[in-house]
Amino acid sequence: MRRNDPKEYIDVGLGFVGFFGVAFVIITAVCELTGQQALPWALVSLTLVVVFVLLLQARRRMAAARLRAEEARATQDS
């Protein structure tokens, strides 16, 4: 499978980071409930959530830029 659309790379990143973000949040919760040290797991979870949000913003910006380019192309053609 060949990926030509840059948005697909962001989608793959969102899936990867989202999966591990959920996994680390669960690990953090289990550590908290069992009384084990949870700070390192919580910091990794926080990092993954921040990366996830940044990827979402990048995807949104990319979609907006694509829409503006299509609108500009449509106004030039008419």
PDB file of N, CA and C in Angstrom:
ATOM      1  N   MET A   1       0.840  -1.168   0.000  1.00  0.00           N
ATOM      2  CA  MET A   1       0.000   0.000   0.000  1.00  0.00           C
ATOM      3  C   MET A   1       0.891   1.240   0.000  1.00  0.00           C
ATOM      4  N   ARG A   2       0.632   2.125  -0.895  1.00  0.00           N
ATOM      5  CA  ARG A   2       1.418   3.335  -1.003  1.00  0.00           C
ATOM      6  C   ARG A   2       0.608   4.516  -0.484  1.00  0.00           C
ATOM      7  N   ARG A   3       1.218   5.289   0.375  1.00  0.00           N
ATOM      8  CA  ARG A   3       0.524   6.447   0.941  1.00  0.00           C
ATOM      9  C   ARG A   3       1.020   7.705   0.258  1.00  0.00           C
ATOM     10  N   ASN A   4       0.137   8.364  -0.463  1.00  0.00           N
ATOM     11  CA  ASN A   4       0.495   9.612  -1.125  1.00  0.00           C
ATOM     12  C   ASN A   4      -0.018  10.825  -0.369  1.00  0.00           C
ATOM     13  N   ASP A   5      -1.053  10.634   0.407  1.00  0.00           N
ATOM     14  CA  ASP A   5      -1.687  11.743   1.101  1.00  0.00           C
ATOM     15  C   ASP A   5      -1.020  11.940   2.472  1.00  0.00           C
ATOM     16  N   PRO A   6      -0.485  13.125   2.752  1.00  0.00           N
ATOM     17  CA  PRO A   6       0.152  13.353   4.058  1.00  0.00           C
ATOM     18  C   PRO A   6      -0.812  13.175   5.229  1.00  0.00           C
ATOM     19  N   LYS A   7      -2.113  13.376   4.961  1.00  0.00           N
ATOM     20  CA  LYS A   7      -3.096  13.192   6.027  1.00  0.00           C
ATOM     21  C   LYS A   7      -3.127  11.743   6.518  1.00  0.00           C
ATOM     22  N   GLU A   8      -2.788  10.814   5.640  1.00  0.00           N
ATOM     23  CA  GLU A   8      -2.769   9.411   6.041  1.00  0.00           C
ATOM     24  C   GLU A   8      -1.680   9.144   7.072  1.00  0.00           C
ATOM     25  N   TYR A   9      -0.542   9.819   6.942  1.00  0.00           N
ATOM     26  CA  TYR A   9       0.521   9.659   7.933  1.00  0.00           C
ATOM     27  C   TYR A   9       0.070  10.150   9.296  1.00  0.00           C
ATOM     28  N   ILE A  10      -0.660  11.250   9.309  1.00  0.00           N
ATOM     29  CA  ILE A  10      -1.175  11.770  10.568  1.00  0.00           C
ATOM     30  C   ILE A  10      -2.210  10.813  11.147  1.00  0.00           C
ATOM     31  N   ASP A  11      -3.057  10.235  10.295  1.00  0.00           N
ATOM     32  CA  ASP A  11      -4.050   9.272  10.767  1.00  0.00           C
ATOM     33  C   ASP A  11      -3.389   8.042  11.381  1.00  0.00           C
ATOM     34  N   VAL A  12      -2.329   7.574  10.753  1.00  0.00           N
ATOM     35  CA  VAL A  12      -1.596   6.426  11.307  1.00  0.00           C
ATOM     36  C   VAL A  12      -0.980   6.802  12.651  1.00  0.00           C
ATOM     37  N   GLY A  13      -0.405   8.000  12.727  1.00  0.00           N
ATOM     38  CA  GLY A  13       0.165   8.472  13.988  1.00  0.00           C
ATOM     39  C   GLY A  13      -0.880   8.605  15.073  1.00  0.00           C
ATOM     40  N   LEU A  14      -2.065   9.097  14.699  1.00  0.00           N
ATOM     41  CA  LEU A  14      -3.149   9.211  15.674  1.00  0.00           C
ATOM     42  C   LEU A  14      -3.558   7.841  16.211  1.00  0.00           C
ATOM     43  N   GLY A  15      -3.649   6.874  15.329  1.00  0.00           N
ATOM     44  CA  GLY A  15      -4.010   5.529  15.768  1.00  0.00           C
ATOM     45  C   GLY A  15      -2.967   4.928  16.689  1.00  0.00           C
ATOM     46  N   PHE A  16      -1.704   5.078  16.322  1.00  0.00           N
ATOM     47  CA  PHE A  16      -0.609   4.534  17.116  1.00  0.00           C
ATOM     48  C   PHE A  16      -0.542   5.194  18.490  1.00  0.00           C
ATOM     49  N   VAL A  17      -0.523   6.520  18.493  1.00  0.00           N
ATOM     50  CA  VAL A  17      -0.424   7.251  19.755  1.00  0.00           C
ATOM     51  C   VAL A  17      -1.689   7.064  20.592  1.00  0.00           C
ATOM     52  N   GLY A  18      -2.846   7.033  19.937  1.00  0.00           N
ATOM     53  CA  GLY A  18      -4.098   6.827  20.669  1.00  0.00           C
ATOM     54  C   GLY A  18      -4.163   5.474  21.340  1.00  0.00           C
ATOM     55  N   PHE A  19      -3.725   4.427  20.650  1.00  0.00           N
ATOM     56  CA  PHE A  19      -3.736   3.079  21.229  1.00  0.00           C
ATOM     57  C   PHE A  19      -2.843   3.025  22.463  1.00  0.00           C
ATOM     58  N   PHE A  20      -1.608   3.493  22.312  1.00  0.00           N
ATOM     59  CA  PHE A  20      -0.692   3.429  23.446  1.00  0.00           C
ATOM     60  C   PHE A  20      -1.074   4.410  24.540  1.00  0.00           C
ATOM     61  N   GLY A  21      -1.709   5.515  24.180  1.00  0.00           N
ATOM     62  CA  GLY A  21      -2.205   6.444  25.198  1.00  0.00           C
ATOM     63  C   GLY A  21      -3.245   5.788  26.087  1.00  0.00           C
ATOM     64  N   VAL A  22      -4.181   5.094  25.476  1.00  0.00           N
ATOM     65  CA  VAL A  22      -5.211   4.389  26.260  1.00  0.00           C
ATOM     66  C   VAL A  22      -4.573   3.291  27.107  1.00  0.00           C
ATOM     67  N   ALA A  23      -3.631   2.555  26.525  1.00  0.00           N
ATOM     68  CA  ALA A  23      -2.968   1.479  27.267  1.00  0.00           C
ATOM     69  C   ALA A  23      -2.232   2.030  28.494  1.00  0.00           C
ATOM     70  N   PHE A  24      -1.517   3.140  28.329  1.00  0.00           N
ATOM     71  CA  PHE A  24      -0.770   3.696  29.450  1.00  0.00           C
ATOM     72  C   PHE A  24      -1.676   4.332  30.494  1.00  0.00           C
ATOM     73  N   VAL A  25      -2.814   4.862  30.088  1.00  0.00           N
ATOM     74  CA  VAL A  25      -3.772   5.380  31.074  1.00  0.00           C
ATOM     75  C   VAL A  25      -4.320   4.228  31.911  1.00  0.00           C
ATOM     76  N   ILE A  26      -4.589   3.100  31.277  1.00  0.00           N
ATOM     77  CA  ILE A  26      -5.061   1.922  32.023  1.00  0.00           C
ATOM     78  C   ILE A  26      -3.983   1.431  32.973  1.00  0.00           C
ATOM     79  N   ILE A  27      -2.735   1.369  32.501  1.00  0.00           N
ATOM     80  CA  ILE A  27      -1.633   0.948  33.374  1.00  0.00           C
ATOM     81  C   ILE A  27      -1.500   1.894  34.560  1.00  0.00           C
ATOM     82  N   THR A  28      -1.628   3.196  34.307  1.00  0.00           N
ATOM     83  CA  THR A  28      -1.542   4.183  35.381  1.00  0.00           C
ATOM     84  C   THR A  28      -2.649   3.972  36.403  1.00  0.00           C
ATOM     85  N   ALA A  29      -3.860   3.726  35.925  1.00  0.00           N
ATOM     86  CA  ALA A  29      -4.990   3.506  36.838  1.00  0.00           C
ATOM     87  C   ALA A  29      -4.781   2.256  37.679  1.00  0.00           C
ATOM     88  N   VAL A  30      -4.290   1.187  37.062  1.00  0.00           N
ATOM     89  CA  VAL A  30      -4.045  -0.056  37.801  1.00  0.00           C
ATOM     90  C   VAL A  30      -2.963   0.168  38.858  1.00  0.00           C
ATOM     91  N   CYS A  31      -1.914   0.881  38.495  1.00  0.00           N
ATOM     92  CA  CYS A  31      -0.850   1.161  39.464  1.00  0.00           C
ATOM     93  C   CYS A  31      -1.378   1.994  40.630  1.00  0.00           C
ATOM     94  N   GLU A  32      -2.202   2.972  40.332  1.00  0.00           N
ATOM     95  CA  GLU A  32      -2.782   3.789  41.398  1.00  0.00           C
ATOM     96  C   GLU A  32      -3.656   2.957  42.327  1.00  0.00           C
ATOM     97  N   LEU A  33      -4.460   2.081  41.750  1.00  0.00           N
ATOM     98  CA  LEU A  33      -5.386   1.284  42.557  1.00  0.00           C
ATOM     99  C   LEU A  33      -4.681   0.215  43.379  1.00  0.00           C
ATOM    100  N   THR A  34      -3.554  -0.274  42.902  1.00  0.00           N
ATOM    101  CA  THR A  34      -2.825  -1.322  43.627  1.00  0.00           C
ATOM    102  C   THR A  34      -1.762  -0.759  44.554  1.00  0.00           C
ATOM    103  N   GLY A  35      -1.563   0.554  44.541  1.00  0.00           N
ATOM    104  CA  GLY A  35      -0.609   1.166  45.446  1.00  0.00           C
ATOM    105  C   GLY A  35       0.820   1.152  44.945  1.00  0.00           C
ATOM    106  N   GLN A  36       1.024   0.815  43.702  1.00  0.00           N
ATOM    107  CA  GLN A  36       2.372   0.846  43.136  1.00  0.00           C
ATOM    108  C   GLN A  36       2.708   2.259  42.693  1.00  0.00           C
ATOM    109  N   GLN A  37       3.979   2.472  42.363  1.00  0.00           N
ATOM    110  CA  GLN A  37       4.405   3.790  41.914  1.00  0.00           C
ATOM    111  C   GLN A  37       3.837   4.064  40.516  1.00  0.00           C
ATOM    112  N   ALA A  38       3.096   5.146  40.377  1.00  0.00           N
ATOM    113  CA  ALA A  38       2.410   5.432  39.117  1.00  0.00           C
ATOM    114  C   ALA A  38       2.917   6.683  38.423  1.00  0.00           C
ATOM    115  N   LEU A  39       3.821   7.424  39.046  1.00  0.00           N
ATOM    116  CA  LEU A  39       4.271   8.682  38.452  1.00  0.00           C
ATOM    117  C   LEU A  39       4.915   8.494  37.080  1.00  0.00           C
ATOM    118  N   PRO A  40       5.831   7.548  36.886  1.00  0.00           N
ATOM    119  CA  PRO A  40       6.415   7.393  35.541  1.00  0.00           C
ATOM    120  C   PRO A  40       5.367   7.049  34.486  1.00  0.00           C
ATOM    121  N   TRP A  41       4.423   6.190  34.841  1.00  0.00           N
ATOM    122  CA  TRP A  41       3.359   5.821  33.897  1.00  0.00           C
ATOM    123  C   TRP A  41       2.483   7.026  33.591  1.00  0.00           C
ATOM    124  N   ALA A  42       2.210   7.834  34.613  1.00  0.00           N
ATOM    125  CA  ALA A  42       1.378   9.022  34.409  1.00  0.00           C
ATOM    126  C   ALA A  42       2.079  10.040  33.513  1.00  0.00           C
ATOM    127  N   LEU A  43       3.396  10.184  33.653  1.00  0.00           N
ATOM    128  CA  LEU A  43       4.132  11.119  32.808  1.00  0.00           C
ATOM    129  C   LEU A  43       4.158  10.651  31.350  1.00  0.00           C
ATOM    130  N   VAL A  44       4.297   9.355  31.142  1.00  0.00           N
ATOM    131  CA  VAL A  44       4.241   8.816  29.781  1.00  0.00           C
ATOM    132  C   VAL A  44       2.839   9.023  29.207  1.00  0.00           C
ATOM    133  N   SER A  45       1.819   8.794  30.014  1.00  0.00           N
ATOM    134  CA  SER A  45       0.434   9.010  29.568  1.00  0.00           C
ATOM    135  C   SER A  45       0.211  10.465  29.185  1.00  0.00           C
ATOM    136  N   LEU A  46       0.701  11.382  30.008  1.00  0.00           N
ATOM    137  CA  LEU A  46       0.568  12.806  29.717  1.00  0.00           C
ATOM    138  C   LEU A  46       1.263  13.161  28.410  1.00  0.00           C
ATOM    139  N   THR A  47       2.452  12.636  28.214  1.00  0.00           N
ATOM    140  CA  THR A  47       3.188  12.897  26.978  1.00  0.00           C
ATOM    141  C   THR A  47       2.414  12.393  25.767  1.00  0.00           C
ATOM    142  N   LEU A  48       1.861  11.194  25.863  1.00  0.00           N
ATOM    143  CA  LEU A  48       1.102  10.637  24.747  1.00  0.00           C
ATOM    144  C   LEU A  48      -0.160  11.436  24.469  1.00  0.00           C
ATOM    145  N   VAL A  49      -0.811  11.920  25.498  1.00  0.00           N
ATOM    146  CA  VAL A  49      -2.018  12.734  25.305  1.00  0.00           C
ATOM    147  C   VAL A  49      -1.659  14.053  24.626  1.00  0.00           C
ATOM    148  N   VAL A  50      -0.549  14.666  25.026  1.00  0.00           N
ATOM    149  CA  VAL A  50      -0.125  15.925  24.406  1.00  0.00           C
ATOM    150  C   VAL A  50       0.219  15.701  22.929  1.00  0.00           C
ATOM    151  N   VAL A  51       0.927  14.619  22.630  1.00  0.00           N
ATOM    152  CA  VAL A  51       1.264  14.308  21.235  1.00  0.00           C
ATOM    153  C   VAL A  51      -0.008  14.055  20.431  1.00  0.00           C
ATOM    154  N   PHE A  52      -0.981  13.362  21.030  1.00  0.00           N
ATOM    155  CA  PHE A  52      -2.247  13.091  20.359  1.00  0.00           C
ATOM    156  C   PHE A  52      -2.965  14.391  20.009  1.00  0.00           C
ATOM    157  N   VAL A  53      -3.006  15.320  20.958  1.00  0.00           N
ATOM    158  CA  VAL A  53      -3.674  16.606  20.721  1.00  0.00           C
ATOM    159  C   VAL A  53      -2.942  17.390  19.629  1.00  0.00           C
ATOM    160  N   LEU A  54      -1.610  17.368  19.654  1.00  0.00           N
ATOM    161  CA  LEU A  54      -0.848  18.059  18.615  1.00  0.00           C
ATOM    162  C   LEU A  54      -1.097  17.456  17.238  1.00  0.00           C
ATOM    163  N   LEU A  55      -1.203  16.142  17.164  1.00  0.00           N
ATOM    164  CA  LEU A  55      -1.516  15.495  15.891  1.00  0.00           C
ATOM    165  C   LEU A  55      -2.914  15.860  15.411  1.00  0.00           C
ATOM    166  N   LEU A  56      -3.866  15.945  16.332  1.00  0.00           N
ATOM    167  CA  LEU A  56      -5.221  16.360  15.954  1.00  0.00           C
ATOM    168  C   LEU A  56      -5.220  17.779  15.401  1.00  0.00           C
ATOM    169  N   GLN A  57      -4.471  18.667  16.032  1.00  0.00           N
ATOM    170  CA  GLN A  57      -4.391  20.049  15.553  1.00  0.00           C
ATOM    171  C   GLN A  57      -3.733  20.110  14.179  1.00  0.00           C
ATOM    172  N   ALA A  58      -2.695  19.307  13.981  1.00  0.00           N
ATOM    173  CA  ALA A  58      -2.027  19.285  12.672  1.00  0.00           C
ATOM    174  C   ALA A  58      -2.979  18.777  11.601  1.00  0.00           C
ATOM    175  N   ARG A  59      -3.771  17.768  11.929  1.00  0.00           N
ATOM    176  CA  ARG A  59      -4.738  17.223  10.970  1.00  0.00           C
ATOM    177  C   ARG A  59      -5.798  18.260  10.629  1.00  0.00           C
ATOM    178  N   ARG A  60      -6.256  18.980  11.646  1.00  0.00           N
ATOM    179  CA  ARG A  60      -7.266  20.016  11.432  1.00  0.00           C
ATOM    180  C   ARG A  60      -6.707  21.145  10.557  1.00  0.00           C
ATOM    181  N   ARG A  61      -5.460  21.565  10.828  1.00  0.00           N
ATOM    182  CA  ARG A  61      -4.840  22.614  10.029  1.00  0.00           C
ATOM    183  C   ARG A  61      -4.644  22.164   8.592  1.00  0.00           C
ATOM    184  N   MET A  62      -4.252  20.916   8.408  1.00  0.00           N
ATOM    185  CA  MET A  62      -4.042  20.393   7.068  1.00  0.00           C
ATOM    186  C   MET A  62      -5.356  20.343   6.293  1.00  0.00           C
ATOM    187  N   ALA A  63      -6.428  19.941   6.949  1.00  0.00           N
ATOM    188  CA  ALA A  63      -7.735  19.894   6.294  1.00  0.00           C
ATOM    189  C   ALA A  63      -8.211  21.303   5.936  1.00  0.00           C
ATOM    190  N   ALA A  64      -7.967  22.269   6.821  1.00  0.00           N
ATOM    191  CA  ALA A  64      -8.375  23.649   6.545  1.00  0.00           C
ATOM    192  C   ALA A  64      -7.577  24.230   5.384  1.00  0.00           C
ATOM    193  N   ALA A  65      -6.298  23.934   5.337  1.00  0.00           N
ATOM    194  CA  ALA A  65      -5.468  24.440   4.239  1.00  0.00           C
ATOM    195  C   ALA A  65      -5.896  23.830   2.912  1.00  0.00           C
ATOM    196  N   ARG A  66      -6.234  22.554   2.938  1.00  0.00           N
ATOM    197  CA  ARG A  66      -6.700  21.890   1.717  1.00  0.00           C
ATOM    198  C   ARG A  66      -8.013  22.496   1.244  1.00  0.00           C
ATOM    199  N   LEU A  67      -8.908  22.802   2.177  1.00  0.00           N
ATOM    200  CA  LEU A  67     -10.192  23.409   1.826  1.00  0.00           C
ATOM    201  C   LEU A  67      -9.995  24.799   1.234  1.00  0.00           C
ATOM    202  N   ARG A  68      -9.094  25.594   1.839  1.00  0.00           N
ATOM    203  CA  ARG A  68      -8.812  26.922   1.304  1.00  0.00           C
ATOM    204  C   ARG A  68      -8.228  26.829  -0.107  1.00  0.00           C
ATOM    205  N   ALA A  69      -7.348  25.852  -0.336  1.00  0.00           N
ATOM    206  CA  ALA A  69      -6.751  25.692  -1.665  1.00  0.00           C
ATOM    207  C   ALA A  69      -7.806  25.291  -2.693  1.00  0.00           C
ATOM    208  N   GLU A  70      -8.731  24.418  -2.314  1.00  0.00           N
ATOM    209  CA  GLU A  70      -9.794  24.018  -3.230  1.00  0.00           C
ATOM    210  C   GLU A  70     -10.723  25.181  -3.532  1.00  0.00           C
ATOM    211  N   GLU A  71     -11.029  25.998  -2.507  1.00  0.00           N
ATOM    212  CA  GLU A  71     -11.882  27.172  -2.740  1.00  0.00           C
ATOM    213  C   GLU A  71     -11.190  28.177  -3.646  1.00  0.00           C
ATOM    214  N   ALA A  72      -9.892  28.374  -3.454  1.00  0.00           N
ATOM    215  CA  ALA A  72      -9.156  29.300  -4.297  1.00  0.00           C
ATOM    216  C   ALA A  72      -9.114  28.794  -5.731  1.00  0.00           C
ATOM    217  N   ARG A  73      -8.947  27.504  -5.904  1.00  0.00           N
ATOM    218  CA  ARG A  73      -8.937  26.913  -7.241  1.00  0.00           C
ATOM    219  C   ARG A  73     -10.300  27.050  -7.890  1.00  0.00           C
ATOM    220  N   ALA A  74     -11.362  26.896  -7.111  1.00  0.00           N
ATOM    221  CA  ALA A  74     -12.716  27.008  -7.659  1.00  0.00           C
ATOM    222  C   ALA A  74     -13.016  28.443  -8.082  1.00  0.00           C
ATOM    223  N   THR A  75     -12.545  29.414  -7.315  1.00  0.00           N
ATOM    224  CA  THR A  75     -12.803  30.816  -7.691  1.00  0.00           C
ATOM    225  C   THR A  75     -11.972  31.221  -8.900  1.00  0.00           C
ATOM    226  N   GLN A  76     -10.795  30.633  -9.067  1.00  0.00           N
ATOM    227  CA  GLN A  76      -9.976  30.930 -10.256  1.00  0.00           C
ATOM    228  C   GLN A  76     -10.614  30.331 -11.513  1.00  0.00           C
ATOM    229  N   ASP A  77     -11.204  29.161 -11.388  1.00  0.00           N
ATOM    230  CA  ASP A  77     -11.803  28.500 -12.539  1.00  0.00           C
ATOM    231  C   ASP A  77     -13.084  29.177 -12.998  1.00  0.00           C
ATOM    232  N   SER A  78     -13.793  29.821 -12.096  1.00  0.00           N
ATOM    233  CA  SER A  78     -15.074  30.434 -12.487  1.00  0.00           C
ATOM    234  C   SER A  78     -14.954  31.873 -12.883  1.00  0.00           C
TER     235      SER A  78
END
